[in-house]
Protein backbone atom coordinates (compact mmCIF):
# COMPACT_ATOMS: atom_id res chain seq x y z
CA MET A 1 -20.27 3.17 -31.91
CA GLY A 2 -23.03 5.80 -31.89
CA ARG A 3 -23.61 8.57 -34.36
CA PRO A 4 -20.85 11.21 -34.51
CA ARG A 5 -21.81 14.54 -32.94
CA VAL A 6 -20.87 17.82 -34.63
CA TYR A 7 -21.17 21.30 -33.18
CA VAL A 8 -21.37 23.93 -35.95
CA ASP A 9 -19.82 27.31 -35.20
CA LEU A 10 -21.76 29.80 -37.34
CA ALA A 11 -19.99 33.01 -38.28
CA GLY A 12 -21.25 36.51 -38.84
CA GLY A 13 -23.98 36.45 -36.23
CA LEU A 14 -25.95 33.77 -38.07
CA ASP A 15 -28.76 32.29 -35.98
CA ALA A 16 -29.91 28.83 -37.05
CA GLU A 17 -33.38 29.23 -35.51
CA HIS A 18 -33.97 32.60 -37.16
CA TRP A 19 -32.67 31.17 -40.44
CA ARG A 20 -35.12 28.28 -40.21
CA ALA A 21 -38.01 30.67 -39.63
CA ARG A 22 -37.03 32.65 -42.69
CA HIS A 23 -36.71 29.48 -44.75
CA GLU A 24 -40.22 28.42 -43.77
CA VAL A 25 -41.58 31.59 -45.42
CA ASP A 26 -39.35 31.03 -48.50
CA GLU A 27 -36.93 33.91 -47.83
CA VAL A 28 -33.64 31.98 -47.74
CA PRO A 29 -32.34 28.67 -49.10
CA ASP A 30 -32.03 25.54 -46.96
CA ALA A 31 -33.43 25.07 -43.48
CA ALA A 32 -30.07 25.97 -41.92
CA PRO A 33 -27.07 28.01 -43.13
CA TYR A 34 -25.11 26.21 -45.87
CA GLY A 35 -27.52 23.26 -45.59
CA LEU A 36 -25.40 21.73 -42.82
CA HIS A 37 -28.49 20.34 -41.10
CA ARG A 38 -28.55 17.77 -43.92
CA MET A 39 -25.67 15.91 -42.26
CA ALA A 40 -28.31 14.42 -39.95
CA ARG A 41 -29.62 12.41 -42.91
CA GLU A 42 -26.11 11.01 -43.35
CA GLY A 43 -25.80 9.67 -39.80
CA VAL A 44 -24.29 12.70 -38.03
CA ASP A 45 -25.97 14.55 -35.15
CA VAL A 46 -25.75 18.31 -35.66
CA THR A 47 -26.02 21.15 -33.14
CA PHE A 48 -25.70 24.80 -34.17
CA ARG A 49 -24.08 27.46 -32.03
CA PRO A 50 -26.65 30.00 -30.83
CA PRO A 51 -25.93 33.70 -31.31
CA PRO A 52 -22.92 34.77 -29.21
CA PHE A 53 -23.29 35.94 -25.61
CA THR A 54 -26.87 34.66 -25.21
CA GLU A 55 -25.97 33.37 -21.76
CA HIS A 56 -25.09 36.89 -20.63
CA SER A 57 -27.32 39.86 -20.00
CA GLY A 58 -27.22 43.60 -19.62
CA ARG A 59 -23.85 45.25 -19.27
CA THR A 60 -21.90 42.02 -19.62
CA ARG A 61 -23.42 41.17 -23.00
CA THR A 62 -22.90 44.74 -24.25
CA ALA A 63 -19.28 44.78 -23.07
CA LEU A 64 -18.51 41.40 -24.64
CA ALA A 65 -20.10 42.45 -27.92
CA ARG A 66 -17.95 45.59 -27.95
CA VAL A 67 -14.76 43.62 -27.27
CA ALA A 68 -15.75 41.07 -29.92
CA ARG A 69 -16.22 43.77 -32.56
CA SER A 70 -12.80 45.19 -31.72
CA ALA A 71 -11.17 41.76 -31.98
CA ARG A 72 -12.82 41.06 -35.34
CA HIS A 73 -11.62 44.42 -36.66
CA ARG A 74 -8.07 44.03 -35.35
CA SER A 75 -7.74 40.60 -36.95
CA GLY A 76 -8.34 42.22 -40.33
CA ALA A 77 -10.47 39.25 -41.31
CA GLY A 78 -13.44 39.14 -38.99
CA ALA A 79 -11.99 36.37 -36.82
CA GLU A 80 -14.47 35.62 -34.03
CA LEU A 81 -11.96 35.15 -31.22
CA VAL A 82 -14.07 36.37 -28.31
CA GLU A 83 -17.07 34.36 -29.49
CA ALA A 84 -15.02 31.16 -29.70
CA PHE A 85 -13.75 31.38 -26.14
CA ASP A 86 -17.14 32.50 -24.82
CA THR A 87 -18.87 29.42 -26.25
CA ALA A 88 -16.04 26.97 -25.46
CA ARG A 89 -17.66 26.16 -22.12
CA ARG A 90 -21.09 25.35 -23.55
CA ARG A 91 -22.15 21.81 -22.68
CA GLU A 92 -23.34 21.00 -26.21
CA ARG A 93 -20.02 22.04 -27.67
CA ARG A 94 -17.91 20.13 -25.17
CA ALA A 95 -20.04 17.03 -25.67
CA ALA A 96 -19.49 17.03 -29.45
CA ASP A 97 -16.93 14.91 -31.26
CA PHE A 98 -15.95 17.77 -33.58
CA VAL A 99 -16.49 21.48 -34.03
CA LEU A 100 -17.25 22.24 -37.68
CA CYS A 101 -16.52 25.73 -39.05
CA TYR A 102 -17.42 26.69 -42.60
CA ASP A 103 -14.60 29.23 -42.93
CA GLU A 104 -11.68 30.95 -41.24
CA ARG A 105 -13.72 33.47 -39.26
CA THR A 106 -14.76 30.80 -36.79
CA GLY A 107 -12.32 28.03 -37.77
CA VAL A 108 -9.09 29.76 -36.78
CA PRO A 109 -10.41 30.85 -33.34
CA ALA A 110 -11.97 27.42 -32.72
CA ALA A 111 -8.70 25.63 -33.41
CA LEU A 112 -6.93 27.91 -30.92
CA VAL A 113 -9.17 26.85 -28.02
CA PRO A 114 -7.11 24.41 -25.91
CA HIS A 115 -8.12 20.81 -26.59
CA ARG A 116 -8.89 20.16 -22.94
CA PHE A 117 -11.76 22.67 -23.29
CA ALA A 118 -13.12 21.77 -26.71
CA PRO A 119 -13.30 18.93 -29.24
CA PRO A 120 -11.11 18.97 -32.37
CA THR A 121 -11.90 21.45 -35.13
CA ILE A 122 -12.72 20.82 -38.77
CA THR A 123 -12.53 24.09 -40.68
CA GLY A 124 -12.85 25.47 -44.15
CA VAL A 125 -10.41 27.95 -45.65
CA ALA A 126 -11.94 30.28 -48.22
CA TRP A 127 -9.43 33.08 -48.79
CA LEU A 128 -6.24 32.43 -46.78
CA THR A 129 -3.81 31.73 -49.60
CA SER A 130 -0.49 32.67 -47.99
CA PRO A 131 0.72 34.45 -44.83
CA ALA A 132 2.19 37.22 -46.97
CA GLU A 133 -1.21 38.06 -48.44
CA ALA A 134 -3.21 37.81 -45.21
CA PRO A 135 -3.67 40.60 -42.64
CA PRO A 136 -0.69 40.32 -40.26
CA MET A 137 -2.66 39.42 -37.13
CA MET A 138 -4.75 36.84 -38.98
CA ALA A 139 -1.60 35.34 -40.50
CA ARG A 140 -0.07 34.87 -37.05
CA LEU A 141 -3.25 33.31 -35.69
CA ALA A 142 -3.73 31.01 -38.69
CA ARG A 143 -0.12 29.79 -38.59
CA ARG A 144 -0.77 28.53 -35.07
CA ALA A 145 -4.35 27.40 -35.56
CA LEU A 146 -4.55 25.56 -38.88
CA PRO A 147 -1.89 22.90 -38.11
CA ARG A 148 -3.81 22.20 -34.87
CA ALA A 149 -7.08 21.48 -36.69
CA ALA A 150 -8.25 17.90 -37.10
CA PHE A 151 -8.95 18.58 -40.78
CA VAL A 152 -8.93 21.57 -43.13
CA PHE A 153 -10.96 21.73 -46.33
CA ALA A 154 -11.19 24.18 -49.22
CA GLN A 155 -13.94 24.62 -51.78
CA SER A 156 -11.55 25.92 -54.41
CA ALA A 157 -9.17 23.09 -55.30
CA PRO A 158 -6.06 25.28 -55.89
CA ILE A 159 -6.10 26.30 -52.22
CA VAL A 160 -5.68 22.71 -50.98
CA PRO A 161 -1.91 22.34 -51.68
CA LEU A 162 -1.30 25.78 -50.14
CA LEU A 163 -2.71 24.54 -46.83
CA THR A 164 0.37 22.36 -46.52
CA ARG A 165 2.97 24.51 -48.28
CA GLU A 166 2.01 27.88 -46.78
CA TRP A 167 0.28 27.01 -43.49
CA GLY A 168 1.90 23.78 -42.35
CA VAL A 169 -1.21 21.58 -42.33
CA PRO A 170 -0.19 17.95 -42.93
CA ASN A 171 -1.26 16.88 -46.40
CA SER A 172 -3.15 13.93 -44.90
CA ARG A 173 -5.43 16.40 -43.11
CA THR A 174 -6.50 18.48 -46.13
CA THR A 175 -9.18 17.92 -48.75
CA PHE A 176 -11.40 19.52 -51.38
CA VAL A 177 -15.13 19.74 -50.62
CA PRO A 178 -17.19 21.20 -53.50
CA VAL A 179 -19.66 24.00 -52.79
CA GLY A 180 -23.32 22.99 -52.71
CA ILE A 181 -26.53 25.01 -52.97
CA ASP A 182 -30.24 24.39 -52.37
CA THR A 183 -31.54 23.50 -55.83
CA ASP A 184 -35.11 23.27 -54.56
CA PHE A 185 -34.89 26.94 -53.63
CA TYR A 186 -32.97 27.98 -56.76
CA ARG A 187 -35.37 26.23 -59.10
CA VAL A 188 -35.24 26.36 -62.89
CA GLN A 189 -36.82 29.58 -64.14
CA PRO A 190 -38.90 30.03 -67.28
CA PRO A 191 -37.39 32.06 -70.14
CA PRO A 192 -37.09 35.77 -69.33
CA GLU A 193 -39.90 38.04 -70.45
CA ARG A 194 -37.50 40.71 -71.68
CA PRO A 195 -34.42 39.80 -73.75
CA GLY A 196 -31.03 41.40 -73.22
CA VAL A 197 -30.83 41.53 -69.42
CA VAL A 198 -27.40 40.65 -68.02
CA VAL A 199 -27.07 39.98 -64.29
CA GLY A 200 -24.05 40.24 -62.02
CA ALA A 201 -23.67 39.97 -58.25
CA GLY A 202 -21.18 39.79 -55.40
CA GLU A 203 -19.59 41.71 -52.56
CA ASP A 204 -16.05 40.42 -52.09
CA ARG A 205 -12.82 42.16 -53.01
CA ASN A 206 -12.16 39.81 -55.94
CA ARG A 207 -15.18 40.99 -57.92
CA ASP A 208 -14.43 43.09 -61.01
CA HIS A 209 -17.83 44.71 -61.49
CA GLN A 210 -16.39 47.70 -63.31
CA LEU A 211 -15.02 45.41 -66.01
CA LEU A 212 -18.49 43.87 -66.36
CA ILE A 213 -20.15 47.29 -66.61
CA ASP A 214 -17.66 48.38 -69.29
CA ALA A 215 -18.16 45.13 -71.22
CA VAL A 216 -21.95 45.47 -71.21
CA ALA A 217 -21.72 49.16 -72.16
CA SER A 218 -19.58 48.22 -75.18
CA LEU A 219 -22.43 46.02 -76.47
CA ARG A 220 -24.99 48.83 -76.71
CA PRO A 221 -24.39 49.42 -80.45
CA HIS A 222 -25.11 45.72 -81.13
CA HIS A 223 -27.92 45.30 -78.58
CA PRO A 224 -29.63 48.64 -77.89
CA GLU A 225 -32.01 46.86 -75.49
CA ILE A 226 -29.20 45.55 -73.29
CA ALA A 227 -29.40 46.24 -69.56
CA LEU A 228 -27.38 45.19 -66.54
CA GLU A 229 -28.79 44.33 -63.13
CA LEU A 230 -25.99 44.36 -60.57
CA ALA A 231 -26.40 43.29 -56.95
CA THR A 232 -23.51 44.70 -54.93
CA GLY A 233 -22.59 47.22 -52.29
CA LEU A 234 -19.17 47.79 -53.84
CA PRO A 235 -18.49 51.20 -55.42
CA VAL A 236 -18.97 51.29 -59.19
CA GLN A 237 -19.34 53.88 -61.96
CA CYS A 238 -22.50 53.29 -64.01
CA PRO A 239 -23.33 54.85 -67.40
CA ASP A 240 -26.72 56.52 -67.55
CA GLY A 241 -29.61 54.22 -68.32
CA LEU A 242 -27.60 50.99 -68.38
CA VAL A 243 -27.44 49.63 -64.83
CA THR A 244 -30.05 48.80 -62.21
CA LEU A 245 -28.08 48.66 -58.97
CA HIS A 246 -29.24 46.59 -55.99
CA THR A 247 -27.16 47.73 -53.02
CA GLY A 248 -29.03 46.02 -50.15
CA ARG A 249 -28.93 42.33 -49.30
CA LEU A 250 -31.32 40.43 -51.55
CA ASP A 251 -30.89 36.92 -50.09
CA GLY A 252 -33.60 34.76 -51.66
CA ARG A 253 -34.88 37.64 -53.77
CA MET A 254 -31.92 36.98 -56.06
CA ARG A 255 -34.16 34.33 -57.63
CA ASP A 256 -36.27 37.12 -59.11
CA VAL A 257 -33.16 38.78 -60.50
CA TYR A 258 -31.94 35.53 -62.07
CA ALA A 259 -35.43 35.04 -63.55
CA ARG A 260 -35.12 38.35 -65.42
CA SER A 261 -31.71 37.48 -66.88
CA SER A 262 -30.73 36.20 -70.28
CA VAL A 263 -27.12 35.79 -69.13
CA VAL A 264 -25.49 35.83 -65.69
CA ALA A 265 -21.93 37.18 -65.86
CA VAL A 266 -19.37 36.98 -63.05
CA ALA A 267 -16.30 39.14 -63.67
CA LEU A 268 -13.43 38.49 -61.27
CA LYS A 269 -9.95 39.75 -60.55
CA PRO A 270 -7.25 37.05 -60.73
CA SER A 271 -7.68 34.82 -57.67
CA ILE A 272 -7.69 31.19 -56.55
CA THR A 273 -10.15 31.72 -53.69
CA GLY A 274 -13.29 30.49 -55.43
CA SER A 275 -14.82 33.94 -55.52
CA GLY A 276 -17.97 33.88 -57.65
CA LEU A 277 -18.73 30.18 -57.21
CA THR A 278 -22.01 30.60 -55.35
CA VAL A 279 -23.45 33.08 -57.85
CA ALA A 280 -22.39 30.86 -60.76
CA LEU A 281 -24.04 27.80 -59.19
CA GLU A 282 -27.24 29.65 -58.28
CA ALA A 283 -27.51 30.99 -61.83
CA MET A 284 -26.85 27.58 -63.36
CA ALA A 285 -29.41 25.98 -61.05
CA SER A 286 -31.89 28.61 -62.26
CA GLY A 287 -31.34 27.46 -65.84
CA ARG A 288 -29.30 30.46 -66.93
CA PRO A 289 -26.08 30.37 -68.99
CA VAL A 290 -23.12 31.88 -67.20
CA VAL A 291 -20.07 33.80 -68.33
CA VAL A 292 -17.35 33.60 -65.69
CA THR A 293 -13.71 34.61 -65.36
CA ALA A 294 -11.57 31.49 -65.77
CA ASN A 295 -9.72 31.71 -62.47
CA PRO A 296 -8.00 28.51 -61.32
CA GLY A 297 -10.52 26.07 -59.89
CA MET A 298 -13.54 27.55 -61.66
CA ASP A 299 -13.49 24.77 -64.26
CA ASP A 300 -14.28 22.25 -61.51
CA TYR A 301 -17.73 23.83 -61.49
CA VAL A 302 -18.33 25.44 -64.91
CA VAL A 303 -17.65 23.38 -68.02
CA HIS A 304 -16.51 25.70 -70.81
CA ASP A 305 -18.87 25.80 -73.80
CA GLU A 306 -21.18 23.29 -72.13
CA THR A 307 -22.64 24.89 -69.00
CA GLY A 308 -21.10 28.34 -69.47
CA ILE A 309 -18.30 30.31 -71.07
CA LEU A 310 -14.99 30.87 -69.26
CA VAL A 311 -13.06 34.01 -70.19
CA PRO A 312 -9.63 35.36 -69.19
CA PRO A 313 -9.37 37.90 -66.36
CA ASP A 314 -8.85 41.58 -67.18
CA ASP A 315 -10.16 41.11 -70.72
CA ARG A 316 -13.14 43.34 -71.39
CA ASP A 317 -13.38 42.36 -75.05
CA ALA A 318 -13.46 38.61 -74.30
CA LEU A 319 -16.10 39.15 -71.62
CA ALA A 320 -18.20 41.26 -73.98
CA ALA A 321 -17.80 38.75 -76.83
CA ALA A 322 -18.99 35.88 -74.63
CA ILE A 323 -22.06 37.80 -73.46
CA LYS A 324 -22.83 38.88 -77.02
CA ALA A 325 -22.52 35.30 -78.32
CA LEU A 326 -25.21 34.14 -75.90
CA LEU A 327 -27.51 37.10 -76.55
CA ASP A 328 -27.16 36.51 -80.29
CA ASP A 329 -28.04 32.81 -80.00
CA PRO A 330 -30.96 32.27 -77.58
CA GLN A 331 -31.13 28.58 -78.50
CA ARG A 332 -27.53 27.99 -77.50
CA ALA A 333 -28.08 30.02 -74.34
CA ALA A 334 -31.11 27.90 -73.42
CA GLU A 335 -29.23 24.65 -74.04
CA MET A 336 -26.31 25.85 -71.95
CA GLY A 337 -28.67 26.88 -69.15
CA ALA A 338 -30.34 23.46 -69.17
CA ALA A 339 -26.97 21.70 -69.08
CA GLY A 340 -25.89 23.87 -66.16
CA ALA A 341 -29.08 23.15 -64.23
CA ALA A 342 -28.55 19.40 -64.67
CA ARG A 343 -24.88 19.57 -63.64
CA VAL A 344 -25.60 21.48 -60.44
CA ARG A 345 -28.34 19.05 -59.46
CA SER A 346 -26.08 16.06 -59.95
CA MET A 347 -22.90 17.39 -58.32
CA PHE A 348 -23.28 20.66 -56.43
CA THR A 349 -26.32 20.50 -54.15
CA SER A 350 -26.20 21.23 -50.43
CA ALA A 351 -27.26 17.59 -49.89
CA VAL A 352 -24.16 16.41 -51.77
CA MET A 353 -21.97 18.83 -49.81
CA ALA A 354 -23.46 17.61 -46.51
CA ARG A 355 -22.68 14.04 -47.58
CA HIS A 356 -19.05 15.00 -48.14
CA PHE A 357 -18.87 16.55 -44.66
CA ALA A 358 -20.55 13.53 -43.07
CA GLU A 359 -18.11 11.17 -44.75
CA LEU A 360 -15.22 13.31 -43.54
CA VAL A 361 -16.52 13.32 -39.96
CA LYS A 362 -17.16 9.57 -39.91
CA GLY A 363 -13.75 8.91 -41.44
CA LEU A 364 -12.08 10.82 -38.64
């Protein structure tokens, strides 16, 4: 039997060729989104979907793009329904053994394409926890789509049993695949030049940046030099002189922000979705100690008191105390950062993640 062939449906308008060009000038991690090109080293042939509607021109492309935007909005979750059916006829996709989708935006639509037009779908689920908590249209689509998928994975372990209980996916077709990042890109940084800088980042609805701001503000009497760098487009209220706010996309420039940090803190609302995982792993890979809300599944990645400190949700004082403990003890912070960097490189690289996907594909 020859090498399995996988067609990767990229969401959000990602363009693998453009991504590669940016990677070559050191702007983004990995040579392809999520490092999925690395499956080729594990015996799987990989083809990436080009940007949607490239086979159309003029009015047709404009009209399709307009309909696609409407469909994404109506789904309440950015589901790329029009894109999935537009690309279903592509020769490369139909020749593949599987369509691989990193999350629901492409995975749910791909699984709805009739099997006579497309190969089976392997999809990730990042935030669909139950039909009751999902946007109504997306819930209806996912109820039909997910049980049709060849396999469904989650990168937050607590979601895996919900795939069967809430969405009807047979247990034998679900699994946990840990997140991986490019540790060559997020390399270990030297100690920060200025002490007392706390860093936070993230855009999703489960971030609790205001709690982080309040926690850092409460430490001013103990650490007058303290400052917070926060990368987010979410609305926040910032005390004067405390916060440097980065509202635009930083992509690879986050490395410079991590380099300035003494502590990276990820405050989250209660959730099982794995919100905050990528920032925590990037910070750990950079050699920085992390303080993270102890949502279910986070301890698969962050070892409490070894590679970071896990704190309860909605607890400003506990968050502040954990940050203060690391600022007060630079030696402990450095040891924790080094332990985190080693853990990420052994367990949570994009190469390791690609190996998990390749094993899944070959097993099917």
